[in-house]
mmCIF file of all heavy atoms, coordinates in Angstrom:
data_MODEL
# 
_entry.id   MODEL 
# 
loop_
_atom_site.group_PDB 
_atom_site.id 
_atom_site.type_symbol 
_atom_site.label_atom_id 
_atom_site.label_alt_id 
_atom_site.label_comp_id 
_atom_site.label_asym_id 
_atom_site.label_entity_id 
_atom_site.label_seq_id 
_atom_site.pdbx_PDB_ins_code 
_atom_site.Cartn_x 
_atom_site.Cartn_y 
_atom_site.Cartn_z 
_atom_site.occupancy 
_atom_site.B_iso_or_equiv 
_atom_site.pdbx_formal_charge 
_atom_site.auth_seq_id 
_atom_site.auth_comp_id 
_atom_site.auth_asym_id 
_atom_site.auth_atom_id 
_atom_site.pdbx_PDB_model_num 
ATOM 1   N N   . ARG A 1 1  ? -0.765  -12.444 -1.836 1.00 0.00 ? 1  ARG A N   1 
ATOM 2   C CA  . ARG A 1 1  ? -0.325  -11.727 -0.638 1.00 0.00 ? 1  ARG A CA  1 
ATOM 3   C C   . ARG A 1 1  ? -1.005  -10.359 -0.555 1.00 0.00 ? 1  ARG A C   1 
ATOM 4   O O   . ARG A 1 1  ? -0.874  -9.563  -1.503 1.00 0.00 ? 1  ARG A O   1 
ATOM 5   C CB  . ARG A 1 1  ? 1.195   -11.544 -0.635 1.00 0.00 ? 1  ARG A CB  1 
ATOM 6   C CG  . ARG A 1 1  ? 1.979   -12.826 -0.455 1.00 0.00 ? 1  ARG A CG  1 
ATOM 7   C CD  . ARG A 1 1  ? 3.458   -12.524 -0.276 1.00 0.00 ? 1  ARG A CD  1 
ATOM 8   N NE  . ARG A 1 1  ? 4.051   -11.952 -1.480 1.00 0.00 ? 1  ARG A NE  1 
ATOM 9   C CZ  . ARG A 1 1  ? 4.662   -12.656 -2.423 1.00 0.00 ? 1  ARG A CZ  1 
ATOM 10  N NH1 . ARG A 1 1  ? 4.735   -13.969 -2.328 1.00 0.00 ? 1  ARG A NH1 1 
ATOM 11  N NH2 . ARG A 1 1  ? 5.208   -12.055 -3.479 1.00 0.00 ? 1  ARG A NH2 1 
ATOM 12  N N   . PRO A 1 2  ? -1.727  -10.074 0.536  1.00 0.00 ? 2  PRO A N   1 
ATOM 13  C CA  . PRO A 1 2  ? -2.286  -8.724  0.701  1.00 0.00 ? 2  PRO A CA  1 
ATOM 14  C C   . PRO A 1 2  ? -1.167  -7.691  0.643  1.00 0.00 ? 2  PRO A C   1 
ATOM 15  O O   . PRO A 1 2  ? -0.048  -7.941  1.111  1.00 0.00 ? 2  PRO A O   1 
ATOM 16  C CB  . PRO A 1 2  ? -2.922  -8.775  2.104  1.00 0.00 ? 2  PRO A CB  1 
ATOM 17  C CG  . PRO A 1 2  ? -3.151  -10.229 2.375  1.00 0.00 ? 2  PRO A CG  1 
ATOM 18  C CD  . PRO A 1 2  ? -2.024  -10.951 1.687  1.00 0.00 ? 2  PRO A CD  1 
ATOM 19  N N   . LEU A 1 3  ? -1.461  -6.548  0.075  1.00 0.00 ? 3  LEU A N   1 
ATOM 20  C CA  . LEU A 1 3  ? -0.424  -5.535  -0.133 1.00 0.00 ? 3  LEU A CA  1 
ATOM 21  C C   . LEU A 1 3  ? 0.168   -5.008  1.170  1.00 0.00 ? 3  LEU A C   1 
ATOM 22  O O   . LEU A 1 3  ? 1.295   -4.515  1.192  1.00 0.00 ? 3  LEU A O   1 
ATOM 23  C CB  . LEU A 1 3  ? -0.992  -4.379  -0.961 1.00 0.00 ? 3  LEU A CB  1 
ATOM 24  C CG  . LEU A 1 3  ? -1.433  -4.761  -2.381 1.00 0.00 ? 3  LEU A CG  1 
ATOM 25  C CD1 . LEU A 1 3  ? -1.994  -3.547  -3.104 1.00 0.00 ? 3  LEU A CD1 1 
ATOM 26  C CD2 . LEU A 1 3  ? -0.280  -5.373  -3.166 1.00 0.00 ? 3  LEU A CD2 1 
ATOM 27  N N   . ARG A 1 4  ? -0.581  -5.091  2.274  1.00 0.00 ? 4  ARG A N   1 
ATOM 28  C CA  . ARG A 1 4  ? -0.047  -4.613  3.553  1.00 0.00 ? 4  ARG A CA  1 
ATOM 29  C C   . ARG A 1 4  ? 1.176   -5.408  3.996  1.00 0.00 ? 4  ARG A C   1 
ATOM 30  O O   . ARG A 1 4  ? 1.940   -4.952  4.848  1.00 0.00 ? 4  ARG A O   1 
ATOM 31  C CB  . ARG A 1 4  ? -1.124  -4.664  4.646  1.00 0.00 ? 4  ARG A CB  1 
ATOM 32  C CG  . ARG A 1 4  ? -1.667  -6.043  4.925  1.00 0.00 ? 4  ARG A CG  1 
ATOM 33  C CD  . ARG A 1 4  ? -2.703  -6.016  6.039  1.00 0.00 ? 4  ARG A CD  1 
ATOM 34  N NE  . ARG A 1 4  ? -3.342  -7.308  6.226  1.00 0.00 ? 4  ARG A NE  1 
ATOM 35  C CZ  . ARG A 1 4  ? -4.403  -7.740  5.579  1.00 0.00 ? 4  ARG A CZ  1 
ATOM 36  N NH1 . ARG A 1 4  ? -4.994  -6.926  4.704  1.00 0.00 ? 4  ARG A NH1 1 
ATOM 37  N NH2 . ARG A 1 4  ? -4.902  -8.937  5.797  1.00 0.00 ? 4  ARG A NH2 1 
ATOM 38  N N   . ARG A 1 5  ? 1.364   -6.614  3.454  1.00 0.00 ? 5  ARG A N   1 
ATOM 39  C CA  . ARG A 1 5  ? 2.509   -7.432  3.840  1.00 0.00 ? 5  ARG A CA  1 
ATOM 40  C C   . ARG A 1 5  ? 3.752   -7.111  3.016  1.00 0.00 ? 5  ARG A C   1 
ATOM 41  O O   . ARG A 1 5  ? 4.845   -7.606  3.308  1.00 0.00 ? 5  ARG A O   1 
ATOM 42  C CB  . ARG A 1 5  ? 2.182   -8.920  3.683  1.00 0.00 ? 5  ARG A CB  1 
ATOM 43  C CG  . ARG A 1 5  ? 1.101   -9.420  4.605  1.00 0.00 ? 5  ARG A CG  1 
ATOM 44  C CD  . ARG A 1 5  ? 1.109   -10.931 4.625  1.00 0.00 ? 5  ARG A CD  1 
ATOM 45  N NE  . ARG A 1 5  ? -0.136  -11.473 5.133  1.00 0.00 ? 5  ARG A NE  1 
ATOM 46  C CZ  . ARG A 1 5  ? -0.443  -12.759 5.135  1.00 0.00 ? 5  ARG A CZ  1 
ATOM 47  N NH1 . ARG A 1 5  ? 0.407   -13.632 4.630  1.00 0.00 ? 5  ARG A NH1 1 
ATOM 48  N NH2 . ARG A 1 5  ? -1.592  -13.177 5.618  1.00 0.00 ? 5  ARG A NH2 1 
ATOM 49  N N   . GLY A 1 6  ? 3.601   -6.326  1.967  1.00 0.00 ? 6  GLY A N   1 
ATOM 50  C CA  . GLY A 1 6  ? 4.736   -5.999  1.112  1.00 0.00 ? 6  GLY A CA  1 
ATOM 51  C C   . GLY A 1 6  ? 5.650   -4.971  1.747  1.00 0.00 ? 6  GLY A C   1 
ATOM 52  O O   . GLY A 1 6  ? 5.337   -4.352  2.763  1.00 0.00 ? 6  GLY A O   1 
ATOM 53  N N   . SER A 1 7  ? 6.799   -4.793  1.130  1.00 0.00 ? 7  SER A N   1 
ATOM 54  C CA  . SER A 1 7  ? 7.758   -3.785  1.580  1.00 0.00 ? 7  SER A CA  1 
ATOM 55  C C   . SER A 1 7  ? 7.654   -2.584  0.642  1.00 0.00 ? 7  SER A C   1 
ATOM 56  O O   . SER A 1 7  ? 7.970   -2.679  -0.555 1.00 0.00 ? 7  SER A O   1 
ATOM 57  C CB  . SER A 1 7  ? 9.178   -4.364  1.552  1.00 0.00 ? 7  SER A CB  1 
ATOM 58  O OG  . SER A 1 7  ? 10.124  -3.396  1.935  1.00 0.00 ? 7  SER A OG  1 
ATOM 59  N N   . TRP A 1 8  ? 7.221   -1.450  1.194  1.00 0.00 ? 8  TRP A N   1 
ATOM 60  C CA  . TRP A 1 8  ? 6.943   -0.278  0.375  1.00 0.00 ? 8  TRP A CA  1 
ATOM 61  C C   . TRP A 1 8  ? 7.677   0.944   0.926  1.00 0.00 ? 8  TRP A C   1 
ATOM 62  O O   . TRP A 1 8  ? 7.741   1.138   2.129  1.00 0.00 ? 8  TRP A O   1 
ATOM 63  C CB  . TRP A 1 8  ? 5.434   0.005   0.351  1.00 0.00 ? 8  TRP A CB  1 
ATOM 64  C CG  . TRP A 1 8  ? 4.608   -1.177  -0.003 1.00 0.00 ? 8  TRP A CG  1 
ATOM 65  C CD1 . TRP A 1 8  ? 3.982   -2.037  0.845  1.00 0.00 ? 8  TRP A CD1 1 
ATOM 66  C CD2 . TRP A 1 8  ? 4.331   -1.663  -1.322 1.00 0.00 ? 8  TRP A CD2 1 
ATOM 67  N NE1 . TRP A 1 8  ? 3.327   -3.023  0.159  1.00 0.00 ? 8  TRP A NE1 1 
ATOM 68  C CE2 . TRP A 1 8  ? 3.521   -2.821  -1.190 1.00 0.00 ? 8  TRP A CE2 1 
ATOM 69  C CE3 . TRP A 1 8  ? 4.678   -1.243  -2.613 1.00 0.00 ? 8  TRP A CE3 1 
ATOM 70  C CZ2 . TRP A 1 8  ? 3.064   -3.548  -2.281 1.00 0.00 ? 8  TRP A CZ2 1 
ATOM 71  C CZ3 . TRP A 1 8  ? 4.208   -1.960  -3.704 1.00 0.00 ? 8  TRP A CZ3 1 
ATOM 72  C CH2 . TRP A 1 8  ? 3.427   -3.092  -3.533 1.00 0.00 ? 8  TRP A CH2 1 
ATOM 73  N N   . THR A 1 9  ? 8.201   1.752   0.030  1.00 0.00 ? 9  THR A N   1 
ATOM 74  C CA  . THR A 1 9  ? 8.782   3.023   0.447  1.00 0.00 ? 9  THR A CA  1 
ATOM 75  C C   . THR A 1 9  ? 7.648   3.979   0.822  1.00 0.00 ? 9  THR A C   1 
ATOM 76  O O   . THR A 1 9  ? 6.489   3.749   0.440  1.00 0.00 ? 9  THR A O   1 
ATOM 77  C CB  . THR A 1 9  ? 9.606   3.650   -0.685 1.00 0.00 ? 9  THR A CB  1 
ATOM 78  O OG1 . THR A 1 9  ? 8.700   4.015   -1.756 1.00 0.00 ? 9  THR A OG1 1 
ATOM 79  C CG2 . THR A 1 9  ? 10.652  2.675   -1.219 1.00 0.00 ? 9  THR A CG2 1 
ATOM 80  N N   . PRO A 1 10 ? 7.942   5.048   1.562  1.00 0.00 ? 10 PRO A N   1 
ATOM 81  C CA  . PRO A 1 10 ? 6.891   6.013   1.891  1.00 0.00 ? 10 PRO A CA  1 
ATOM 82  C C   . PRO A 1 10 ? 6.171   6.551   0.649  1.00 0.00 ? 10 PRO A C   1 
ATOM 83  O O   . PRO A 1 10 ? 4.954   6.735   0.658  1.00 0.00 ? 10 PRO A O   1 
ATOM 84  C CB  . PRO A 1 10 ? 7.645   7.129   2.618  1.00 0.00 ? 10 PRO A CB  1 
ATOM 85  C CG  . PRO A 1 10 ? 8.809   6.428   3.262  1.00 0.00 ? 10 PRO A CG  1 
ATOM 86  C CD  . PRO A 1 10 ? 9.210   5.378   2.257  1.00 0.00 ? 10 PRO A CD  1 
ATOM 87  N N   . GLU A 1 11 ? 6.902   6.773   -0.429 1.00 0.00 ? 11 GLU A N   1 
ATOM 88  C CA  . GLU A 1 11 ? 6.281   7.280   -1.666 1.00 0.00 ? 11 GLU A CA  1 
ATOM 89  C C   . GLU A 1 11 ? 5.384   6.219   -2.295 1.00 0.00 ? 11 GLU A C   1 
ATOM 90  O O   . GLU A 1 11 ? 4.287   6.516   -2.771 1.00 0.00 ? 11 GLU A O   1 
ATOM 91  C CB  . GLU A 1 11 ? 7.368   7.714   -2.658 1.00 0.00 ? 11 GLU A CB  1 
ATOM 92  C CG  . GLU A 1 11 ? 6.847   8.173   -4.017 1.00 0.00 ? 11 GLU A CG  1 
ATOM 93  C CD  . GLU A 1 11 ? 5.931   9.395   -3.941 1.00 0.00 ? 11 GLU A CD  1 
ATOM 94  O OE1 . GLU A 1 11 ? 5.898   10.068  -2.900 1.00 0.00 ? 11 GLU A OE1 1 
ATOM 95  O OE2 . GLU A 1 11 ? 5.239   9.658   -4.949 1.00 0.00 ? 11 GLU A OE2 1 
ATOM 96  N N   . GLU A 1 12 ? 5.837   4.957   -2.282 1.00 0.00 ? 12 GLU A N   1 
ATOM 97  C CA  . GLU A 1 12 ? 5.004   3.880   -2.816 1.00 0.00 ? 12 GLU A CA  1 
ATOM 98  C C   . GLU A 1 12 ? 3.732   3.714   -1.984 1.00 0.00 ? 12 GLU A C   1 
ATOM 99  O O   . GLU A 1 12 ? 2.648   3.505   -2.530 1.00 0.00 ? 12 GLU A O   1 
ATOM 100 C CB  . GLU A 1 12 ? 5.799   2.566   -2.817 1.00 0.00 ? 12 GLU A CB  1 
ATOM 101 C CG  . GLU A 1 12 ? 6.878   2.505   -3.890 1.00 0.00 ? 12 GLU A CG  1 
ATOM 102 C CD  . GLU A 1 12 ? 7.740   1.269   -3.766 1.00 0.00 ? 12 GLU A CD  1 
ATOM 103 O OE1 . GLU A 1 12 ? 7.883   0.751   -2.630 1.00 0.00 ? 12 GLU A OE1 1 
ATOM 104 O OE2 . GLU A 1 12 ? 8.291   0.822   -4.785 1.00 0.00 ? 12 GLU A OE2 1 
ATOM 105 N N   . ALA A 1 13 ? 3.873   3.825   -0.669 1.00 0.00 ? 13 ALA A N   1 
ATOM 106 C CA  . ALA A 1 13 ? 2.707   3.708   0.214  1.00 0.00 ? 13 ALA A CA  1 
ATOM 107 C C   . ALA A 1 13 ? 1.713   4.824   -0.067 1.00 0.00 ? 13 ALA A C   1 
ATOM 108 O O   . ALA A 1 13 ? 0.493   4.611   -0.042 1.00 0.00 ? 13 ALA A O   1 
ATOM 109 C CB  . ALA A 1 13 ? 3.154   3.744   1.673  1.00 0.00 ? 13 ALA A CB  1 
ATOM 110 N N   . ARG A 1 14 ? 2.234   6.031   -0.349 1.00 0.00 ? 14 ARG A N   1 
ATOM 111 C CA  . ARG A 1 14 ? 1.359   7.157   -0.681 1.00 0.00 ? 14 ARG A CA  1 
ATOM 112 C C   . ARG A 1 14 ? 0.574   6.869   -1.948 1.00 0.00 ? 14 ARG A C   1 
ATOM 113 O O   . ARG A 1 14 ? -0.645  7.125   -2.019 1.00 0.00 ? 14 ARG A O   1 
ATOM 114 C CB  . ARG A 1 14 ? 2.185   8.438   -0.859 1.00 0.00 ? 14 ARG A CB  1 
ATOM 115 C CG  . ARG A 1 14 ? 1.343   9.673   -1.187 1.00 0.00 ? 14 ARG A CG  1 
ATOM 116 C CD  . ARG A 1 14 ? 2.198   10.862  -1.578 1.00 0.00 ? 14 ARG A CD  1 
ATOM 117 N NE  . ARG A 1 14 ? 2.827   10.691  -2.870 1.00 0.00 ? 14 ARG A NE  1 
ATOM 118 C CZ  . ARG A 1 14 ? 2.220   10.893  -4.041 1.00 0.00 ? 14 ARG A CZ  1 
ATOM 119 N NH1 . ARG A 1 14 ? 0.949   11.257  -4.076 1.00 0.00 ? 14 ARG A NH1 1 
ATOM 120 N NH2 . ARG A 1 14 ? 2.880   10.729  -5.180 1.00 0.00 ? 14 ARG A NH2 1 
ATOM 121 N N   . LEU A 1 15 ? 1.254   6.316   -2.956 1.00 0.00 ? 15 LEU A N   1 
ATOM 122 C CA  . LEU A 1 15 ? 0.588   6.014   -4.213 1.00 0.00 ? 15 LEU A CA  1 
ATOM 123 C C   . LEU A 1 15 ? -0.448  4.907   -4.055 1.00 0.00 ? 15 LEU A C   1 
ATOM 124 O O   . LEU A 1 15 ? -1.533  4.967   -4.644 1.00 0.00 ? 15 LEU A O   1 
ATOM 125 C CB  . LEU A 1 15 ? 1.630   5.622   -5.268 1.00 0.00 ? 15 LEU A CB  1 
ATOM 126 C CG  . LEU A 1 15 ? 2.522   6.756   -5.780 1.00 0.00 ? 15 LEU A CG  1 
ATOM 127 C CD1 . LEU A 1 15 ? 3.639   6.210   -6.653 1.00 0.00 ? 15 LEU A CD1 1 
ATOM 128 C CD2 . LEU A 1 15 ? 1.704   7.788   -6.550 1.00 0.00 ? 15 LEU A CD2 1 
ATOM 129 N N   . LEU A 1 16 ? -0.139  3.892   -3.244 1.00 0.00 ? 16 LEU A N   1 
ATOM 130 C CA  . LEU A 1 16 ? -1.110  2.818   -2.997 1.00 0.00 ? 16 LEU A CA  1 
ATOM 131 C C   . LEU A 1 16 ? -2.378  3.386   -2.358 1.00 0.00 ? 16 LEU A C   1 
ATOM 132 O O   . LEU A 1 16 ? -3.494  3.000   -2.702 1.00 0.00 ? 16 LEU A O   1 
ATOM 133 C CB  . LEU A 1 16 ? -0.503  1.749   -2.092 1.00 0.00 ? 16 LEU A CB  1 
ATOM 134 C CG  . LEU A 1 16 ? 0.559   0.846   -2.723 1.00 0.00 ? 16 LEU A CG  1 
ATOM 135 C CD1 . LEU A 1 16 ? 1.160   -0.072  -1.659 1.00 0.00 ? 16 LEU A CD1 1 
ATOM 136 C CD2 . LEU A 1 16 ? -0.019  0.016   -3.860 1.00 0.00 ? 16 LEU A CD2 1 
ATOM 137 N N   . LYS A 1 17 ? -2.184  4.303   -1.416 1.00 0.00 ? 17 LYS A N   1 
ATOM 138 C CA  . LYS A 1 17 ? -3.330  4.932   -0.755 1.00 0.00 ? 17 LYS A CA  1 
ATOM 139 C C   . LYS A 1 17 ? -4.113  5.776   -1.748 1.00 0.00 ? 17 LYS A C   1 
ATOM 140 O O   . LYS A 1 17 ? -5.358  5.736   -1.778 1.00 0.00 ? 17 LYS A O   1 
ATOM 141 C CB  . LYS A 1 17 ? -2.856  5.785   0.420  1.00 0.00 ? 17 LYS A CB  1 
ATOM 142 C CG  . LYS A 1 17 ? -3.998  6.411   1.212  1.00 0.00 ? 17 LYS A CG  1 
ATOM 143 C CD  . LYS A 1 17 ? -3.473  7.155   2.432  1.00 0.00 ? 17 LYS A CD  1 
ATOM 144 C CE  . LYS A 1 17 ? -4.628  7.748   3.245  1.00 0.00 ? 17 LYS A CE  1 
ATOM 145 N NZ  . LYS A 1 17 ? -4.146  8.475   4.449  1.00 0.00 ? 17 LYS A NZ  1 
ATOM 146 N N   . GLU A 1 18 ? -3.408  6.527   -2.571 1.00 0.00 ? 18 GLU A N   1 
ATOM 147 C CA  . GLU A 1 18 ? -4.055  7.379   -3.572 1.00 0.00 ? 18 GLU A CA  1 
ATOM 148 C C   . GLU A 1 18 ? -4.845  6.544   -4.577 1.00 0.00 ? 18 GLU A C   1 
ATOM 149 O O   . GLU A 1 18 ? -5.922  6.945   -5.035 1.00 0.00 ? 18 GLU A O   1 
ATOM 150 C CB  . GLU A 1 18 ? -2.986  8.198   -4.298 1.00 0.00 ? 18 GLU A CB  1 
ATOM 151 C CG  . GLU A 1 18 ? -3.525  9.182   -5.305 1.00 0.00 ? 18 GLU A CG  1 
ATOM 152 C CD  . GLU A 1 18 ? -2.409  9.975   -5.967 1.00 0.00 ? 18 GLU A CD  1 
ATOM 153 O OE1 . GLU A 1 18 ? -1.645  10.640  -5.230 1.00 0.00 ? 18 GLU A OE1 1 
ATOM 154 O OE2 . GLU A 1 18 ? -2.282  9.908   -7.203 1.00 0.00 ? 18 GLU A OE2 1 
ATOM 155 N N   . LEU A 1 19 ? -4.338  5.348   -4.889 1.00 0.00 ? 19 LEU A N   1 
ATOM 156 C CA  . LEU A 1 19 ? -5.000  4.455   -5.839 1.00 0.00 ? 19 LEU A CA  1 
ATOM 157 C C   . LEU A 1 19 ? -6.147  3.670   -5.203 1.00 0.00 ? 19 LEU A C   1 
ATOM 158 O O   . LEU A 1 19 ? -6.885  2.966   -5.890 1.00 0.00 ? 19 LEU A O   1 
ATOM 159 C CB  . LEU A 1 19 ? -3.978  3.473   -6.432 1.00 0.00 ? 19 LEU A CB  1 
ATOM 160 C CG  . LEU A 1 19 ? -2.949  4.102   -7.386 1.00 0.00 ? 19 LEU A CG  1 
ATOM 161 C CD1 . LEU A 1 19 ? -1.755  3.173   -7.575 1.00 0.00 ? 19 LEU A CD1 1 
ATOM 162 C CD2 . LEU A 1 19 ? -3.589  4.423   -8.731 1.00 0.00 ? 19 LEU A CD2 1 
ATOM 163 N N   . GLY A 1 20 ? -6.298  3.802   -3.883 1.00 0.00 ? 20 GLY A N   1 
ATOM 164 C CA  . GLY A 1 20 ? -7.414  3.160   -3.189 1.00 0.00 ? 20 GLY A CA  1 
ATOM 165 C C   . GLY A 1 20 ? -7.239  1.672   -2.991 1.00 0.00 ? 20 GLY A C   1 
ATOM 166 O O   . GLY A 1 20 ? -8.225  0.923   -2.983 1.00 0.00 ? 20 GLY A O   1 
ATOM 167 N N   . MET A 1 21 ? -5.998  1.213   -2.809 1.00 0.00 ? 21 MET A N   1 
ATOM 168 C CA  . MET A 1 21 ? -5.743  -0.216  -2.622 1.00 0.00 ? 21 MET A CA  1 
ATOM 169 C C   . MET A 1 21 ? -6.192  -0.670  -1.232 1.00 0.00 ? 21 MET A C   1 
ATOM 170 O O   . MET A 1 21 ? -5.626  -0.263  -0.218 1.00 0.00 ? 21 MET A O   1 
ATOM 171 C CB  . MET A 1 21 ? -4.257  -0.518  -2.817 1.00 0.00 ? 21 MET A CB  1 
ATOM 172 C CG  . MET A 1 21 ? -3.771  -0.261  -4.228 1.00 0.00 ? 21 MET A CG  1 
ATOM 173 S SD  . MET A 1 21 ? -4.599  -1.333  -5.425 1.00 0.00 ? 21 MET A SD  1 
ATOM 174 C CE  . MET A 1 21 ? -3.650  -0.979  -6.886 1.00 0.00 ? 21 MET A CE  1 
ATOM 175 N N   . ILE A 1 22 ? -7.206  -1.516  -1.193 1.00 0.00 ? 22 ILE A N   1 
ATOM 176 C CA  . ILE A 1 22 ? -7.809  -1.910  0.081  1.00 0.00 ? 22 ILE A CA  1 
ATOM 177 C C   . ILE A 1 22 ? -6.898  -2.825  0.889  1.00 0.00 ? 22 ILE A C   1 
ATOM 178 O O   . ILE A 1 22 ? -6.760  -2.659  2.105  1.00 0.00 ? 22 ILE A O   1 
ATOM 179 C CB  . ILE A 1 22 ? -9.155  -2.621  -0.144 1.00 0.00 ? 22 ILE A CB  1 
ATOM 180 C CG1 . ILE A 1 22 ? -10.083 -1.759  -0.999 1.00 0.00 ? 22 ILE A CG1 1 
ATOM 181 C CG2 . ILE A 1 22 ? -9.824  -2.945  1.183  1.00 0.00 ? 22 ILE A CG2 1 
ATOM 182 C CD1 . ILE A 1 22 ? -11.378 -2.452  -1.378 1.00 0.00 ? 22 ILE A CD1 1 
ATOM 183 N N   . SER A 1 23 ? -6.268  -3.796  0.215  1.00 0.00 ? 23 SER A N   1 
ATOM 184 C CA  . SER A 1 23 ? -5.467  -4.767  0.958  1.00 0.00 ? 23 SER A CA  1 
ATOM 185 C C   . SER A 1 23 ? -4.157  -4.173  1.474  1.00 0.00 ? 23 SER A C   1 
ATOM 186 O O   . SER A 1 23 ? -3.411  -4.842  2.188  1.00 0.00 ? 23 SER A O   1 
ATOM 187 C CB  . SER A 1 23 ? -5.176  -6.008  0.104  1.00 0.00 ? 23 SER A CB  1 
ATOM 188 O OG  . SER A 1 23 ? -4.250  -5.736  -0.928 1.00 0.00 ? 23 SER A OG  1 
ATOM 189 N N   . ALA A 1 24 ? -3.884  -2.918  1.120  1.00 0.00 ? 24 ALA A N   1 
ATOM 190 C CA  . ALA A 1 24 ? -2.694  -2.242  1.640  1.00 0.00 ? 24 ALA A CA  1 
ATOM 191 C C   . ALA A 1 24 ? -2.963  -1.591  3.000  1.00 0.00 ? 24 ALA A C   1 
ATOM 192 O O   . ALA A 1 24 ? -2.032  -1.197  3.702  1.00 0.00 ? 24 ALA A O   1 
ATOM 193 C CB  . ALA A 1 24 ? -2.214  -1.180  0.658  1.00 0.00 ? 24 ALA A CB  1 
ATOM 194 N N   . LYS A 1 25 ? -4.217  -1.478  3.385  1.00 0.00 ? 25 LYS A N   1 
ATOM 195 C CA  . LYS A 1 25 ? -4.568  -0.810  4.624  1.00 0.00 ? 25 LYS A CA  1 
ATOM 196 C C   . LYS A 1 25 ? -4.144  -1.661  5.829  1.00 0.00 ? 25 LYS A C   1 
ATOM 197 O O   . LYS A 1 25 ? -4.257  -2.891  5.808  1.00 0.00 ? 25 LYS A O   1 
ATOM 198 C CB  . LYS A 1 25 ? -6.074  -0.552  4.689  1.00 0.00 ? 25 LYS A CB  1 
ATOM 199 C CG  . LYS A 1 25 ? -6.583  0.362   3.571  1.00 0.00 ? 25 LYS A CG  1 
ATOM 200 C CD  . LYS A 1 25 ? -8.081  0.568   3.666  1.00 0.00 ? 25 LYS A CD  1 
ATOM 201 C CE  . LYS A 1 25 ? -8.591  1.338   2.446  1.00 0.00 ? 25 LYS A CE  1 
ATOM 202 N NZ  . LYS A 1 25 ? -8.061  2.707   2.363  1.00 0.00 ? 25 LYS A NZ  1 
ATOM 203 N N   . PRO A 1 26 ? -3.658  -1.027  6.905  1.00 0.00 ? 26 PRO A N   1 
ATOM 204 C CA  . PRO A 1 26 ? -3.289  -1.784  8.105  1.00 0.00 ? 26 PRO A CA  1 
ATOM 205 C C   . PRO A 1 26 ? -4.519  -2.434  8.723  1.00 0.00 ? 26 PRO A C   1 
ATOM 206 O O   . PRO A 1 26 ? -5.629  -1.915  8.617  1.00 0.00 ? 26 PRO A O   1 
ATOM 207 C CB  . PRO A 1 26 ? -2.688  -0.721  9.034  1.00 0.00 ? 26 PRO A CB  1 
ATOM 208 C CG  . PRO A 1 26 ? -3.273  0.578   8.553  1.00 0.00 ? 26 PRO A CG  1 
ATOM 209 C CD  . PRO A 1 26 ? -3.443  0.420   7.070  1.00 0.00 ? 26 PRO A CD  1 
# 
């Protein structure tokens, strides 16, 4: 499952972005 489909808190989303997770991007 691409990370963008997961349920993330605002803080978790910030960390995913900071870690450079590509599949989390809209």
